[in-house]
Amino acid sequence: MKTETQRERGIIVGITGGIACGKTTVSALLAEKGAVPINADEIGHQLLKADSPVIEELVDTFGQDILEESGDVSRKKLGAIVFKDKSARERLNALLHPLIIQRSRAHARQLVAEDATCIVLLDAPLLIEAGAYDTVDVIVVVSASPETQLRRTLKRSIAQGRALTESEVQARIDAQMPVAEKVTYADVVIENEGTLAELHRQVDRLWEELQRRVGERAYDTNSRGD
């Protein structure tokens, strides 16, 4: 978490969690309430396009075969490489994460500097692993048990027409920092093991807390005459 002297006027909320924990759902619910989302995954996907500043390094590292006919990197082909090879995954992260963090951080800081009431959501699966957690004001971890992650991901893959095997899903879960470890960094933990109604109630409480913090920040700023 940032120190008081590092904070801008609004609040930057870092939201993270493991696969199928419900991080995206929580972000969407907060966005419906008025928060401004920045999706790190979407920024990462843009870096796999043919015009990406790291496209040549990606090809040099993982081979010409990762490219589609369009010149974009195939996420499916790249994923098949990195999910089963830790060293390959680390090389990919070293190429993409600095740019993802740089772009996310710049956008978030611009938003909170322009609007004293702005609550920005930095939706980042690897917020903690990438060392970007100290650039946000509040760290929210959305958690679920490994068994729930496995069950939800299998179900989702079938719905998406991919039908991943249990071992393939487990490899994706194992490739990430355990959710229990991420929780140790959290200011707020959203436990997503129950119903959608229960999740809504937790998000409601979180939103009330974020609004309270924004209100205090605005009062402090006005008191100083900034």
C-alpha atoms as a PDB file:
ATOM      1  CA  MET A   1       0.000   0.000   0.000  1.00  0.00           C
ATOM      2  CA  LYS A   2       1.200   3.507  -0.776  1.00  0.00           C
ATOM      3  CA  THR A   3       2.188   5.883   1.997  1.00  0.00           C
ATOM      4  CA  GLU A   4       0.140   9.026   2.631  1.00  0.00           C
ATOM      5  CA  THR A   5       2.665  11.237   0.862  1.00  0.00           C
ATOM      6  CA  GLN A   6       2.512   9.048  -2.256  1.00  0.00           C
ATOM      7  CA  ARG A   7      -1.256   9.145  -2.669  1.00  0.00           C
ATOM      8  CA  GLU A   8      -3.062  11.162  -5.260  1.00  0.00           C
ATOM      9  CA  ARG A   9      -6.475  12.712  -4.665  1.00  0.00           C
ATOM     10  CA  GLY A  10      -8.707   9.759  -5.593  1.00  0.00           C
ATOM     11  CA  ILE A  11      -8.241   6.132  -4.562  1.00  0.00           C
ATOM     12  CA  ILE A  12      -6.627   3.320  -6.525  1.00  0.00           C
ATOM     13  CA  VAL A  13      -7.936  -0.115  -5.590  1.00  0.00           C
ATOM     14  CA  GLY A  14      -5.941  -3.148  -6.639  1.00  0.00           C
ATOM     15  CA  ILE A  15      -8.159  -6.199  -7.151  1.00  0.00           C
ATOM     16  CA  THR A  16      -6.562  -9.605  -7.487  1.00  0.00           C
ATOM     17  CA  GLY A  17      -7.203 -13.275  -6.851  1.00  0.00           C
ATOM     18  CA  GLY A  18      -6.749 -16.669  -8.418  1.00  0.00           C
ATOM     19  CA  ILE A  19      -8.336 -18.318 -11.426  1.00  0.00           C
ATOM     20  CA  ALA A  20     -12.138 -18.567 -11.094  1.00  0.00           C
ATOM     21  CA  CYS A  21     -12.208 -16.815  -7.718  1.00  0.00           C
ATOM     22  CA  GLY A  22     -14.613 -14.173  -9.028  1.00  0.00           C
ATOM     23  CA  LYS A  23     -12.289 -11.192  -9.347  1.00  0.00           C
ATOM     24  CA  THR A  24     -13.876 -10.105 -12.625  1.00  0.00           C
ATOM     25  CA  THR A  25     -17.367 -10.346 -11.140  1.00  0.00           C
ATOM     26  CA  VAL A  26     -16.376  -8.219  -8.155  1.00  0.00           C
ATOM     27  CA  SER A  27     -14.792  -5.638 -10.466  1.00  0.00           C
ATOM     28  CA  ALA A  28     -17.962  -5.530 -12.570  1.00  0.00           C
ATOM     29  CA  LEU A  29     -20.155  -5.035  -9.496  1.00  0.00           C
ATOM     30  CA  LEU A  30     -17.964  -2.166  -8.293  1.00  0.00           C
ATOM     31  CA  ALA A  31     -17.969  -0.631 -11.765  1.00  0.00           C
ATOM     32  CA  GLU A  32     -21.777  -0.681 -11.707  1.00  0.00           C
ATOM     33  CA  LYS A  33     -21.600   1.411  -8.544  1.00  0.00           C
ATOM     34  CA  GLY A  34     -19.386   4.016 -10.201  1.00  0.00           C
ATOM     35  CA  ALA A  35     -15.808   2.797  -9.928  1.00  0.00           C
ATOM     36  CA  VAL A  36     -13.562   3.157 -12.980  1.00  0.00           C
ATOM     37  CA  PRO A  37     -11.993  -0.161 -14.063  1.00  0.00           C
ATOM     38  CA  ILE A  38      -8.557  -0.683 -15.584  1.00  0.00           C
ATOM     39  CA  ASN A  39      -8.093  -4.283 -16.693  1.00  0.00           C
ATOM     40  CA  ALA A  40      -4.459  -5.416 -16.681  1.00  0.00           C
ATOM     41  CA  ASP A  41      -5.363  -8.547 -18.641  1.00  0.00           C
ATOM     42  CA  GLU A  42      -6.745  -6.409 -21.468  1.00  0.00           C
ATOM     43  CA  ILE A  43      -3.521  -4.384 -21.529  1.00  0.00           C
ATOM     44  CA  GLY A  44      -1.598  -7.665 -21.660  1.00  0.00           C
ATOM     45  CA  HIS A  45      -3.708  -8.836 -24.589  1.00  0.00           C
ATOM     46  CA  GLN A  46      -2.927  -5.618 -26.458  1.00  0.00           C
ATOM     47  CA  LEU A  47       0.772  -6.385 -26.007  1.00  0.00           C
ATOM     48  CA  LEU A  48       0.247  -9.601 -27.978  1.00  0.00           C
ATOM     49  CA  LYS A  49      -0.921  -7.708 -31.058  1.00  0.00           C
ATOM     50  CA  ALA A  50       1.190  -7.402 -34.195  1.00  0.00           C
ATOM     51  CA  ASP A  51       1.990  -3.751 -33.437  1.00  0.00           C
ATOM     52  CA  SER A  52       3.181  -4.492 -29.887  1.00  0.00           C
ATOM     53  CA  PRO A  53       6.523  -2.949 -28.871  1.00  0.00           C
ATOM     54  CA  VAL A  54       7.634  -6.398 -27.641  1.00  0.00           C
ATOM     55  CA  ILE A  55       6.419  -8.532 -30.560  1.00  0.00           C
ATOM     56  CA  GLU A  56       9.930  -9.176 -31.874  1.00  0.00           C
ATOM     57  CA  GLU A  57      11.172 -10.178 -28.429  1.00  0.00           C
ATOM     58  CA  LEU A  58       8.223 -12.537 -28.022  1.00  0.00           C
ATOM     59  CA  VAL A  59       8.986 -14.225 -31.334  1.00  0.00           C
ATOM     60  CA  ASP A  60      12.712 -14.411 -30.556  1.00  0.00           C
ATOM     61  CA  THR A  61      11.914 -15.983 -27.185  1.00  0.00           C
ATOM     62  CA  PHE A  62       9.111 -18.396 -28.084  1.00  0.00           C
ATOM     63  CA  GLY A  63       9.480 -18.935 -31.824  1.00  0.00           C
ATOM     64  CA  GLN A  64       7.716 -17.912 -35.011  1.00  0.00           C
ATOM     65  CA  ASP A  65       5.062 -20.597 -34.502  1.00  0.00           C
ATOM     66  CA  ILE A  66       3.302 -18.540 -31.805  1.00  0.00           C
ATOM     67  CA  LEU A  67       2.073 -16.101 -34.458  1.00  0.00           C
ATOM     68  CA  GLU A  68      -1.303 -16.154 -36.198  1.00  0.00           C
ATOM     69  CA  GLU A  69      -1.591 -15.255 -39.886  1.00  0.00           C
ATOM     70  CA  SER A  70      -2.539 -11.741 -38.789  1.00  0.00           C
ATOM     71  CA  GLY A  71       0.814 -11.313 -37.051  1.00  0.00           C
ATOM     72  CA  ASP A  72      -0.804 -11.329 -33.608  1.00  0.00           C
ATOM     73  CA  VAL A  73       0.473 -13.764 -31.005  1.00  0.00           C
ATOM     74  CA  SER A  74      -1.857 -16.731 -30.515  1.00  0.00           C
ATOM     75  CA  ARG A  75      -2.803 -16.759 -26.839  1.00  0.00           C
ATOM     76  CA  LYS A  76      -3.689 -20.451 -27.153  1.00  0.00           C
ATOM     77  CA  LYS A  77      -0.295 -21.409 -28.584  1.00  0.00           C
ATOM     78  CA  LEU A  78       1.597 -19.210 -26.146  1.00  0.00           C
ATOM     79  CA  GLY A  79      -0.437 -20.520 -23.234  1.00  0.00           C
ATOM     80  CA  ALA A  80       0.355 -24.111 -24.193  1.00  0.00           C
ATOM     81  CA  ILE A  81       4.038 -23.237 -23.831  1.00  0.00           C
ATOM     82  CA  VAL A  82       4.063 -21.207 -20.635  1.00  0.00           C
ATOM     83  CA  PHE A  83       1.545 -23.107 -18.523  1.00  0.00           C
ATOM     84  CA  LYS A  84       3.650 -26.259 -18.592  1.00  0.00           C
ATOM     85  CA  ASP A  85       7.077 -24.619 -18.370  1.00  0.00           C
ATOM     86  CA  LYS A  86       7.886 -22.411 -15.389  1.00  0.00           C
ATOM     87  CA  SER A  87      11.013 -20.908 -16.955  1.00  0.00           C
ATOM     88  CA  ALA A  88       9.060 -20.003 -20.117  1.00  0.00           C
ATOM     89  CA  ARG A  89       6.367 -18.421 -17.971  1.00  0.00           C
ATOM     90  CA  GLU A  90       8.962 -16.374 -16.120  1.00  0.00           C
ATOM     91  CA  ARG A  91      10.452 -15.176 -19.427  1.00  0.00           C
ATOM     92  CA  LEU A  92       7.005 -14.127 -20.646  1.00  0.00           C
ATOM     93  CA  ASN A  93       6.274 -12.284 -17.405  1.00  0.00           C
ATOM     94  CA  ALA A  94       9.619 -10.480 -17.617  1.00  0.00           C
ATOM     95  CA  LEU A  95       8.696  -9.210 -21.089  1.00  0.00           C
ATOM     96  CA  LEU A  96       5.100  -8.182 -20.454  1.00  0.00           C
ATOM     97  CA  HIS A  97       4.715  -7.228 -16.798  1.00  0.00           C
ATOM     98  CA  PRO A  98       6.893  -4.090 -16.758  1.00  0.00           C
ATOM     99  CA  LEU A  99       4.843  -2.619 -19.614  1.00  0.00           C
ATOM    100  CA  ILE A 100       1.521  -3.740 -18.124  1.00  0.00           C
ATOM    101  CA  ILE A 101       2.391  -2.133 -14.793  1.00  0.00           C
ATOM    102  CA  GLN A 102       3.684   1.033 -16.446  1.00  0.00           C
ATOM    103  CA  ARG A 103       0.564   1.519 -18.569  1.00  0.00           C
ATOM    104  CA  SER A 104      -1.872   0.590 -15.789  1.00  0.00           C
ATOM    105  CA  ARG A 105      -0.187   2.835 -13.264  1.00  0.00           C
ATOM    106  CA  ALA A 106      -0.022   5.814 -15.636  1.00  0.00           C
ATOM    107  CA  HIS A 107      -3.711   5.535 -16.502  1.00  0.00           C
ATOM    108  CA  ALA A 108      -4.763   5.115 -12.859  1.00  0.00           C
ATOM    109  CA  ARG A 109      -2.722   8.078 -11.660  1.00  0.00           C
ATOM    110  CA  GLN A 110      -4.138  10.284 -14.387  1.00  0.00           C
ATOM    111  CA  LEU A 111      -7.697   9.375 -13.388  1.00  0.00           C
ATOM    112  CA  VAL A 112      -7.281   9.991  -9.655  1.00  0.00           C
ATOM    113  CA  ALA A 113      -5.358  13.203 -10.210  1.00  0.00           C
ATOM    114  CA  GLU A 114      -8.186  14.582 -12.348  1.00  0.00           C
ATOM    115  CA  ASP A 115     -11.054  13.633 -10.043  1.00  0.00           C
ATOM    116  CA  ALA A 116     -10.878  13.864  -6.245  1.00  0.00           C
ATOM    117  CA  THR A 117     -13.834  11.480  -5.908  1.00  0.00           C
ATOM    118  CA  CYS A 118     -12.592   8.885  -8.367  1.00  0.00           C
ATOM    119  CA  ILE A 119     -12.282   5.256  -7.270  1.00  0.00           C
ATOM    120  CA  VAL A 120     -10.096   3.417  -9.781  1.00  0.00           C
ATOM    121  CA  LEU A 121     -10.060  -0.380  -9.991  1.00  0.00           C
ATOM    122  CA  LEU A 122      -6.784  -1.902 -11.103  1.00  0.00           C
ATOM    123  CA  ASP A 123      -7.959  -5.414 -12.008  1.00  0.00           C
ATOM    124  CA  ALA A 124      -4.708  -7.387 -12.057  1.00  0.00           C
ATOM    125  CA  PRO A 125      -4.361 -11.159 -11.553  1.00  0.00           C
ATOM    126  CA  LEU A 126      -0.614 -10.777 -10.935  1.00  0.00           C
ATOM    127  CA  LEU A 127      -0.741  -7.561  -8.912  1.00  0.00           C
ATOM    128  CA  ILE A 128       1.235  -9.108  -6.059  1.00  0.00           C
ATOM    129  CA  GLU A 129       3.543 -11.342  -8.090  1.00  0.00           C
ATOM    130  CA  ALA A 130       4.562  -8.405 -10.272  1.00  0.00           C
ATOM    131  CA  GLY A 131       5.380  -6.248  -7.241  1.00  0.00           C
ATOM    132  CA  ALA A 132       2.788  -3.623  -8.199  1.00  0.00           C
ATOM    133  CA  TYR A 133       0.846  -3.859  -4.938  1.00  0.00           C
ATOM    134  CA  ASP A 134       2.744  -0.934  -3.408  1.00  0.00           C
ATOM    135  CA  THR A 135       1.344   1.409  -6.071  1.00  0.00           C
ATOM    136  CA  VAL A 136      -2.285   1.068  -4.913  1.00  0.00           C
ATOM    137  CA  ASP A 137      -4.120   2.451  -1.882  1.00  0.00           C
ATOM    138  CA  VAL A 138      -6.229  -0.609  -1.105  1.00  0.00           C
ATOM    139  CA  ILE A 139      -5.535  -4.266  -1.942  1.00  0.00           C
ATOM    140  CA  VAL A 140      -8.622  -6.448  -2.387  1.00  0.00           C
ATOM    141  CA  VAL A 141      -8.145 -10.199  -2.743  1.00  0.00           C
ATOM    142  CA  VAL A 142     -11.075 -12.266  -3.999  1.00  0.00           C
ATOM    143  CA  SER A 143     -10.625 -15.766  -2.649  1.00  0.00           C
ATOM    144  CA  ALA A 144     -11.982 -19.262  -3.202  1.00  0.00           C
ATOM    145  CA  SER A 145     -10.738 -22.708  -2.276  1.00  0.00           C
ATOM    146  CA  PRO A 146      -8.548 -24.667  -4.752  1.00  0.00           C
ATOM    147  CA  GLU A 147     -11.391 -27.175  -5.123  1.00  0.00           C
ATOM    148  CA  THR A 148     -13.814 -24.411  -6.053  1.00  0.00           C
ATOM    149  CA  GLN A 149     -11.314 -22.935  -8.508  1.00  0.00           C
ATOM    150  CA  LEU A 150     -10.920 -26.308 -10.195  1.00  0.00           C
ATOM    151  CA  ARG A 151     -14.654 -26.974 -10.403  1.00  0.00           C
ATOM    152  CA  ARG A 152     -15.512 -23.514 -11.731  1.00  0.00           C
ATOM    153  CA  THR A 153     -12.727 -23.499 -14.308  1.00  0.00           C
ATOM    154  CA  LEU A 154     -13.704 -26.920 -15.657  1.00  0.00           C
ATOM    155  CA  LYS A 155     -17.316 -25.792 -15.950  1.00  0.00           C
ATOM    156  CA  ARG A 156     -16.325 -22.528 -17.623  1.00  0.00           C
ATOM    157  CA  SER A 157     -14.055 -24.262 -20.137  1.00  0.00           C
ATOM    158  CA  ILE A 158     -16.925 -26.541 -21.193  1.00  0.00           C
ATOM    159  CA  ALA A 159     -19.266 -23.566 -21.559  1.00  0.00           C
ATOM    160  CA  GLN A 160     -16.649 -21.837 -23.733  1.00  0.00           C
ATOM    161  CA  GLY A 161     -16.275 -24.903 -25.947  1.00  0.00           C
ATOM    162  CA  ARG A 162     -12.707 -25.664 -24.890  1.00  0.00           C
ATOM    163  CA  ALA A 163     -13.359 -28.534 -22.454  1.00  0.00           C
ATOM    164  CA  LEU A 164     -10.016 -28.433 -20.655  1.00  0.00           C
ATOM    165  CA  THR A 165      -8.939 -31.543 -18.795  1.00  0.00           C
ATOM    166  CA  GLU A 166      -8.613 -31.559 -15.026  1.00  0.00           C
ATOM    167  CA  SER A 167      -4.810 -31.733 -15.314  1.00  0.00           C
ATOM    168  CA  GLU A 168      -4.762 -28.753 -17.685  1.00  0.00           C
ATOM    169  CA  VAL A 169      -6.855 -26.697 -15.279  1.00  0.00           C
ATOM    170  CA  GLN A 170      -4.743 -27.746 -12.319  1.00  0.00           C
ATOM    171  CA  ALA A 171      -1.612 -26.664 -14.192  1.00  0.00           C
ATOM    172  CA  ARG A 172      -3.097 -23.189 -14.642  1.00  0.00           C
ATOM    173  CA  ILE A 173      -3.996 -22.980 -10.950  1.00  0.00           C
ATOM    174  CA  ASP A 174      -0.556 -24.208  -9.891  1.00  0.00           C
ATOM    175  CA  ALA A 175       1.095 -21.635 -12.174  1.00  0.00           C
ATOM    176  CA  GLN A 176      -0.219 -18.822  -9.950  1.00  0.00           C
ATOM    177  CA  MET A 177       0.644 -17.784  -6.426  1.00  0.00           C
ATOM    178  CA  PRO A 178      -1.683 -19.667  -4.033  1.00  0.00           C
ATOM    179  CA  VAL A 179      -4.709 -17.586  -3.083  1.00  0.00           C
ATOM    180  CA  ALA A 180      -3.980 -18.207   0.604  1.00  0.00           C
ATOM    181  CA  GLU A 181      -0.634 -16.470   0.139  1.00  0.00           C
ATOM    182  CA  LYS A 182      -2.208 -13.531  -1.687  1.00  0.00           C
ATOM    183  CA  VAL A 183      -4.615 -13.060   1.206  1.00  0.00           C
ATOM    184  CA  THR A 184      -1.674 -12.172   3.466  1.00  0.00           C
ATOM    185  CA  TYR A 185      -1.186  -8.981   1.411  1.00  0.00           C
ATOM    186  CA  ALA A 186      -4.851  -7.967   1.483  1.00  0.00           C
ATOM    187  CA  ASP A 187      -6.484  -4.975   3.121  1.00  0.00           C
ATOM    188  CA  VAL A 188      -9.860  -6.506   2.266  1.00  0.00           C
ATOM    189  CA  VAL A 189     -10.715 -10.152   1.507  1.00  0.00           C
ATOM    190  CA  ILE A 190     -13.848 -11.050  -0.459  1.00  0.00           C
ATOM    191  CA  GLU A 191     -14.644 -14.715   0.179  1.00  0.00           C
ATOM    192  CA  ASN A 192     -16.472 -16.054  -2.863  1.00  0.00           C
ATOM    193  CA  GLU A 193     -17.573 -19.520  -1.797  1.00  0.00           C
ATOM    194  CA  GLY A 194     -21.263 -18.832  -1.321  1.00  0.00           C
ATOM    195  CA  THR A 195     -24.170 -17.443  -3.326  1.00  0.00           C
ATOM    196  CA  LEU A 196     -24.186 -14.444  -5.618  1.00  0.00           C
ATOM    197  CA  ALA A 197     -26.335 -12.637  -3.052  1.00  0.00           C
ATOM    198  CA  GLU A 198     -23.635 -13.164  -0.426  1.00  0.00           C
ATOM    199  CA  LEU A 199     -21.034 -11.825  -2.835  1.00  0.00           C
ATOM    200  CA  HIS A 200     -23.197  -8.749  -3.472  1.00  0.00           C
ATOM    201  CA  ARG A 201     -23.396  -8.042   0.255  1.00  0.00           C
ATOM    202  CA  GLN A 202     -19.618  -8.163   0.617  1.00  0.00           C
ATOM    203  CA  VAL A 203     -19.183  -5.851  -2.358  1.00  0.00           C
ATOM    204  CA  ASP A 204     -21.744  -3.441  -0.878  1.00  0.00           C
ATOM    205  CA  ARG A 205     -19.721  -3.264   2.339  1.00  0.00           C
ATOM    206  CA  LEU A 206     -16.511  -2.735   0.396  1.00  0.00           C
ATOM    207  CA  TRP A 207     -18.074   0.085  -1.631  1.00  0.00           C
ATOM    208  CA  GLU A 208     -19.250   1.828   1.531  1.00  0.00           C
ATOM    209  CA  GLU A 209     -15.722   1.616   2.936  1.00  0.00           C
ATOM    210  CA  LEU A 210     -14.166   2.990  -0.260  1.00  0.00           C
ATOM    211  CA  GLN A 211     -16.605   5.895  -0.327  1.00  0.00           C
ATOM    212  CA  ARG A 212     -15.784   6.648   3.297  1.00  0.00           C
ATOM    213  CA  ARG A 213     -12.076   6.768   2.453  1.00  0.00           C
ATOM    214  CA  VAL A 214     -12.677   9.051  -0.520  1.00  0.00           C
ATOM    215  CA  GLY A 215     -14.743  11.356   1.678  1.00  0.00           C
ATOM    216  CA  GLU A 216     -11.977  11.528   4.277  1.00  0.00           C
ATOM    217  CA  ARG A 217      -9.394  12.190   1.570  1.00  0.00           C
ATOM    218  CA  ALA A 218     -11.453  15.035   0.136  1.00  0.00           C
ATOM    219  CA  TYR A 219     -11.940  16.548   3.615  1.00  0.00           C
ATOM    220  CA  ASP A 220      -8.204  16.365   4.349  1.00  0.00           C
ATOM    221  CA  THR A 221      -7.397  17.991   1.017  1.00  0.00           C
ATOM    222  CA  ASN A 222      -9.875  20.819   1.602  1.00  0.00           C
ATOM    223  CA  SER A 223      -8.577  21.346   5.138  1.00  0.00           C
ATOM    224  CA  ARG A 224      -5.062  21.852   3.805  1.00  0.00           C
ATOM    225  CA  GLY A 225      -6.329  24.285   1.194  1.00  0.00           C
ATOM    226  CA  ASP A 226      -4.920  22.174  -1.691  1.00  0.00           C
END
